[in-house]
């Protein structure tokens, strides 16, 4: 009887440790090796941005180069950005923008420059760009 208990604990620990990566993988919404992660994590240089259109006070679409459009989701409301004629795109940390934490939009306001932190950045597909209303297409 003693020998059966001696082997029961190590076998249970081995079974739990073998299942742990599968449990962690099931909890994670996006795996690091999947193609979705690579498309979500596409970066661009801030200096290559050449147009913008604000869909509303929380969503700004930025044109990069000739055919790429990135959608910026603001951390909060960026008052009157949908009326702005020009904005400044500021990259934090380096000159490339990959995530929302890398970027900030600065626009004019009646009391001076308004800084709008970005929460999320994602590259739109050509179909998504074509589906944008004309006022939201850069």
C-alpha atoms as a PDB file:
ATOM      1  CA  UNK A   1       0.000   0.000   0.000  1.00  0.00           C
ATOM      2  CA  UNK A   2       2.824   2.367   0.842  1.00  0.00           C
ATOM      3  CA  UNK A   3       4.420   1.951  -2.597  1.00  0.00           C
ATOM      4  CA  UNK A   4       1.188   2.884  -4.382  1.00  0.00           C
ATOM      5  CA  UNK A   5       0.969   6.190  -2.440  1.00  0.00           C
ATOM      6  CA  UNK A   6       4.638   6.818  -3.103  1.00  0.00           C
ATOM      7  CA  UNK A   7       4.016   6.835  -6.868  1.00  0.00           C
ATOM      8  CA  UNK A   8       0.584   8.521  -6.799  1.00  0.00           C
ATOM      9  CA  UNK A   9       1.832  12.012  -5.881  1.00  0.00           C
ATOM     10  CA  UNK A  10       4.583  12.248  -8.543  1.00  0.00           C
ATOM     11  CA  UNK A  11       2.243  10.890 -11.235  1.00  0.00           C
ATOM     12  CA  UNK A  12      -0.452  13.435 -10.305  1.00  0.00           C
ATOM     13  CA  UNK A  13       2.120  16.264 -10.413  1.00  0.00           C
ATOM     14  CA  UNK A  14       3.337  15.061 -13.808  1.00  0.00           C
ATOM     15  CA  UNK A  15      -0.215  14.967 -15.160  1.00  0.00           C
ATOM     16  CA  UNK A  16      -0.938  18.492 -13.913  1.00  0.00           C
ATOM     17  CA  UNK A  17       2.316  19.889 -15.324  1.00  0.00           C
ATOM     18  CA  UNK A  18       1.659  18.258 -18.699  1.00  0.00           C
ATOM     19  CA  UNK A  19      -1.824  19.811 -18.865  1.00  0.00           C
ATOM     20  CA  UNK A  20      -0.720  23.302 -17.731  1.00  0.00           C
ATOM     21  CA  UNK A  21       0.404  24.558 -21.180  1.00  0.00           C
ATOM     22  CA  UNK A  22      -2.861  23.374 -22.728  1.00  0.00           C
ATOM     23  CA  UNK A  23      -4.876  25.122 -20.003  1.00  0.00           C
ATOM     24  CA  UNK A  24      -2.883  28.340 -20.470  1.00  0.00           C
ATOM     25  CA  UNK A  25      -3.341  28.112 -24.237  1.00  0.00           C
ATOM     26  CA  UNK A  26      -7.088  27.717 -23.827  1.00  0.00           C
ATOM     27  CA  UNK A  27      -7.234  30.868 -21.656  1.00  0.00           C
ATOM     28  CA  UNK A  28      -5.177  33.036 -24.026  1.00  0.00           C
ATOM     29  CA  UNK A  29      -7.365  34.614 -26.743  1.00  0.00           C
ATOM     30  CA  UNK A  30      -4.558  35.000 -29.313  1.00  0.00           C
ATOM     31  CA  UNK A  31      -1.545  32.718 -29.498  1.00  0.00           C
ATOM     32  CA  UNK A  32       1.863  34.296 -30.190  1.00  0.00           C
ATOM     33  CA  UNK A  33       2.536  32.047 -33.192  1.00  0.00           C
ATOM     34  CA  UNK A  34      -0.764  32.475 -35.016  1.00  0.00           C
ATOM     35  CA  UNK A  35      -1.143  34.487 -38.242  1.00  0.00           C
ATOM     36  CA  UNK A  36      -3.696  36.736 -36.493  1.00  0.00           C
ATOM     37  CA  UNK A  37      -0.983  38.021 -34.175  1.00  0.00           C
ATOM     38  CA  UNK A  38       1.316  38.861 -37.070  1.00  0.00           C
ATOM     39  CA  UNK A  39      -1.371  40.876 -38.868  1.00  0.00           C
ATOM     40  CA  UNK A  40      -2.452  42.639 -35.680  1.00  0.00           C
ATOM     41  CA  UNK A  41       1.132  43.545 -34.861  1.00  0.00           C
ATOM     42  CA  UNK A  42       2.004  45.276 -38.146  1.00  0.00           C
ATOM     43  CA  UNK A  43       3.998  48.436 -37.511  1.00  0.00           C
ATOM     44  CA  UNK A  44       4.634  51.601 -39.476  1.00  0.00           C
ATOM     45  CA  UNK A  45       6.920  54.607 -39.260  1.00  0.00           C
ATOM     46  CA  UNK A  46       5.181  57.743 -37.982  1.00  0.00           C
ATOM     47  CA  UNK A  47       6.901  59.824 -40.674  1.00  0.00           C
ATOM     48  CA  UNK A  48       5.112  57.795 -43.397  1.00  0.00           C
ATOM     49  CA  UNK A  49       1.637  58.905 -42.269  1.00  0.00           C
ATOM     50  CA  UNK A  50       0.226  61.240 -44.905  1.00  0.00           C
ATOM     51  CA  UNK A  51      -3.492  61.661 -44.233  1.00  0.00           C
ATOM     52  CA  UNK A  52      -6.217  61.218 -41.669  1.00  0.00           C
ATOM     53  CA  UNK A  53      -9.973  61.204 -41.216  1.00  0.00           C
ATOM     54  CA  UNK A  54     -11.811  61.105 -37.921  1.00  0.00           C
ATOM     55  CA  UNK A  55     -14.893  58.913 -37.924  1.00  0.00           C
ATOM     56  CA  UNK A  56     -15.890  60.334 -34.531  1.00  0.00           C
ATOM     57  CA  UNK A  57     -14.237  61.610 -31.340  1.00  0.00           C
ATOM     58  CA  UNK A  58     -12.913  58.134 -30.457  1.00  0.00           C
ATOM     59  CA  UNK A  59     -11.836  56.747 -33.849  1.00  0.00           C
ATOM     60  CA  UNK A  60      -9.237  58.165 -36.235  1.00  0.00           C
ATOM     61  CA  UNK A  61      -8.150  56.509 -39.490  1.00  0.00           C
ATOM     62  CA  UNK A  62      -4.592  57.261 -40.602  1.00  0.00           C
ATOM     63  CA  UNK A  63      -3.334  56.728 -44.163  1.00  0.00           C
ATOM     64  CA  UNK A  64       0.221  55.422 -44.347  1.00  0.00           C
ATOM     65  CA  UNK A  65       1.839  55.383 -47.758  1.00  0.00           C
ATOM     66  CA  UNK A  66      -0.426  54.793 -50.743  1.00  0.00           C
ATOM     67  CA  UNK A  67      -2.668  51.903 -49.708  1.00  0.00           C
ATOM     68  CA  UNK A  68      -2.353  51.204 -45.968  1.00  0.00           C
ATOM     69  CA  UNK A  69      -4.892  52.552 -43.485  1.00  0.00           C
ATOM     70  CA  UNK A  70      -4.563  52.143 -39.724  1.00  0.00           C
ATOM     71  CA  UNK A  71      -7.415  52.694 -37.322  1.00  0.00           C
ATOM     72  CA  UNK A  72      -6.600  54.394 -34.029  1.00  0.00           C
ATOM     73  CA  UNK A  73      -8.945  53.940 -31.104  1.00  0.00           C
ATOM     74  CA  UNK A  74      -8.563  56.742 -28.580  1.00  0.00           C
ATOM     75  CA  UNK A  75      -8.233  56.127 -24.858  1.00  0.00           C
ATOM     76  CA  UNK A  76     -11.008  58.663 -24.281  1.00  0.00           C
ATOM     77  CA  UNK A  77     -12.837  61.300 -26.271  1.00  0.00           C
ATOM     78  CA  UNK A  78     -10.650  63.574 -28.354  1.00  0.00           C
ATOM     79  CA  UNK A  79     -12.892  66.619 -28.484  1.00  0.00           C
ATOM     80  CA  UNK A  80     -13.484  68.172 -31.899  1.00  0.00           C
ATOM     81  CA  UNK A  81     -10.949  65.965 -33.703  1.00  0.00           C
ATOM     82  CA  UNK A  82     -13.629  65.229 -36.282  1.00  0.00           C
ATOM     83  CA  UNK A  83     -13.540  68.969 -37.152  1.00  0.00           C
ATOM     84  CA  UNK A  84      -9.732  69.312 -37.213  1.00  0.00           C
ATOM     85  CA  UNK A  85      -7.974  70.167 -40.455  1.00  0.00           C
ATOM     86  CA  UNK A  86      -4.573  68.975 -39.216  1.00  0.00           C
ATOM     87  CA  UNK A  87      -3.160  66.791 -36.487  1.00  0.00           C
ATOM     88  CA  UNK A  88       0.267  65.771 -35.252  1.00  0.00           C
ATOM     89  CA  UNK A  89       1.071  62.100 -34.828  1.00  0.00           C
ATOM     90  CA  UNK A  90       3.578  61.647 -32.026  1.00  0.00           C
ATOM     91  CA  UNK A  91       5.333  58.333 -31.526  1.00  0.00           C
ATOM     92  CA  UNK A  92       6.579  57.508 -28.050  1.00  0.00           C
ATOM     93  CA  UNK A  93       9.673  55.452 -27.410  1.00  0.00           C
ATOM     94  CA  UNK A  94      10.749  55.070 -31.040  1.00  0.00           C
ATOM     95  CA  UNK A  95       9.691  56.369 -34.433  1.00  0.00           C
ATOM     96  CA  UNK A  96       7.638  53.264 -35.266  1.00  0.00           C
ATOM     97  CA  UNK A  97       4.066  52.698 -34.140  1.00  0.00           C
ATOM     98  CA  UNK A  98       2.924  49.152 -33.415  1.00  0.00           C
ATOM     99  CA  UNK A  99       0.460  49.464 -30.530  1.00  0.00           C
ATOM    100  CA  UNK A 100      -1.705  52.131 -28.988  1.00  0.00           C
ATOM    101  CA  UNK A 101       0.859  52.799 -26.300  1.00  0.00           C
ATOM    102  CA  UNK A 102       3.310  53.877 -29.009  1.00  0.00           C
ATOM    103  CA  UNK A 103       1.208  56.793 -30.275  1.00  0.00           C
ATOM    104  CA  UNK A 104      -0.440  60.028 -29.306  1.00  0.00           C
ATOM    105  CA  UNK A 105      -2.417  62.451 -31.458  1.00  0.00           C
ATOM    106  CA  UNK A 106      -2.049  66.172 -30.880  1.00  0.00           C
ATOM    107  CA  UNK A 107      -4.650  68.567 -32.245  1.00  0.00           C
ATOM    108  CA  UNK A 108      -5.493  72.226 -31.773  1.00  0.00           C
ATOM    109  CA  UNK A 109      -8.176  73.312 -29.347  1.00  0.00           C
ATOM    110  CA  UNK A 110      -9.431  76.733 -28.195  1.00  0.00           C
ATOM    111  CA  UNK A 111      -7.209  76.546 -25.101  1.00  0.00           C
ATOM    112  CA  UNK A 112      -4.083  75.187 -26.789  1.00  0.00           C
ATOM    113  CA  UNK A 113      -2.754  71.823 -27.957  1.00  0.00           C
ATOM    114  CA  UNK A 114      -4.903  68.844 -27.016  1.00  0.00           C
ATOM    115  CA  UNK A 115      -3.067  65.557 -26.460  1.00  0.00           C
ATOM    116  CA  UNK A 116      -5.117  62.436 -27.151  1.00  0.00           C
ATOM    117  CA  UNK A 117      -3.553  59.135 -26.065  1.00  0.00           C
ATOM    118  CA  UNK A 118      -4.238  56.146 -28.305  1.00  0.00           C
ATOM    119  CA  UNK A 119      -5.546  52.907 -26.785  1.00  0.00           C
ATOM    120  CA  UNK A 120      -5.334  50.558 -29.773  1.00  0.00           C
ATOM    121  CA  UNK A 121      -3.967  50.511 -33.336  1.00  0.00           C
ATOM    122  CA  UNK A 122      -4.902  48.047 -36.049  1.00  0.00           C
ATOM    123  CA  UNK A 123      -4.293  47.837 -39.761  1.00  0.00           C
ATOM    124  CA  UNK A 124      -7.481  47.737 -41.816  1.00  0.00           C
ATOM    125  CA  UNK A 125      -7.908  45.241 -44.621  1.00  0.00           C
ATOM    126  CA  UNK A 126      -8.651  46.555 -48.133  1.00  0.00           C
ATOM    127  CA  UNK A 127     -12.270  45.419 -47.717  1.00  0.00           C
ATOM    128  CA  UNK A 128     -12.593  47.321 -44.438  1.00  0.00           C
ATOM    129  CA  UNK A 129     -11.149  50.454 -46.053  1.00  0.00           C
ATOM    130  CA  UNK A 130     -13.621  50.171 -48.951  1.00  0.00           C
ATOM    131  CA  UNK A 131     -16.491  49.788 -46.462  1.00  0.00           C
ATOM    132  CA  UNK A 132     -15.617  53.016 -44.592  1.00  0.00           C
ATOM    133  CA  UNK A 133     -18.007  55.926 -45.132  1.00  0.00           C
ATOM    134  CA  UNK A 134     -16.461  58.648 -47.307  1.00  0.00           C
ATOM    135  CA  UNK A 135     -16.040  61.081 -44.386  1.00  0.00           C
ATOM    136  CA  UNK A 136     -14.080  58.430 -42.417  1.00  0.00           C
ATOM    137  CA  UNK A 137     -11.795  57.410 -45.307  1.00  0.00           C
ATOM    138  CA  UNK A 138      -8.415  59.197 -45.342  1.00  0.00           C
END
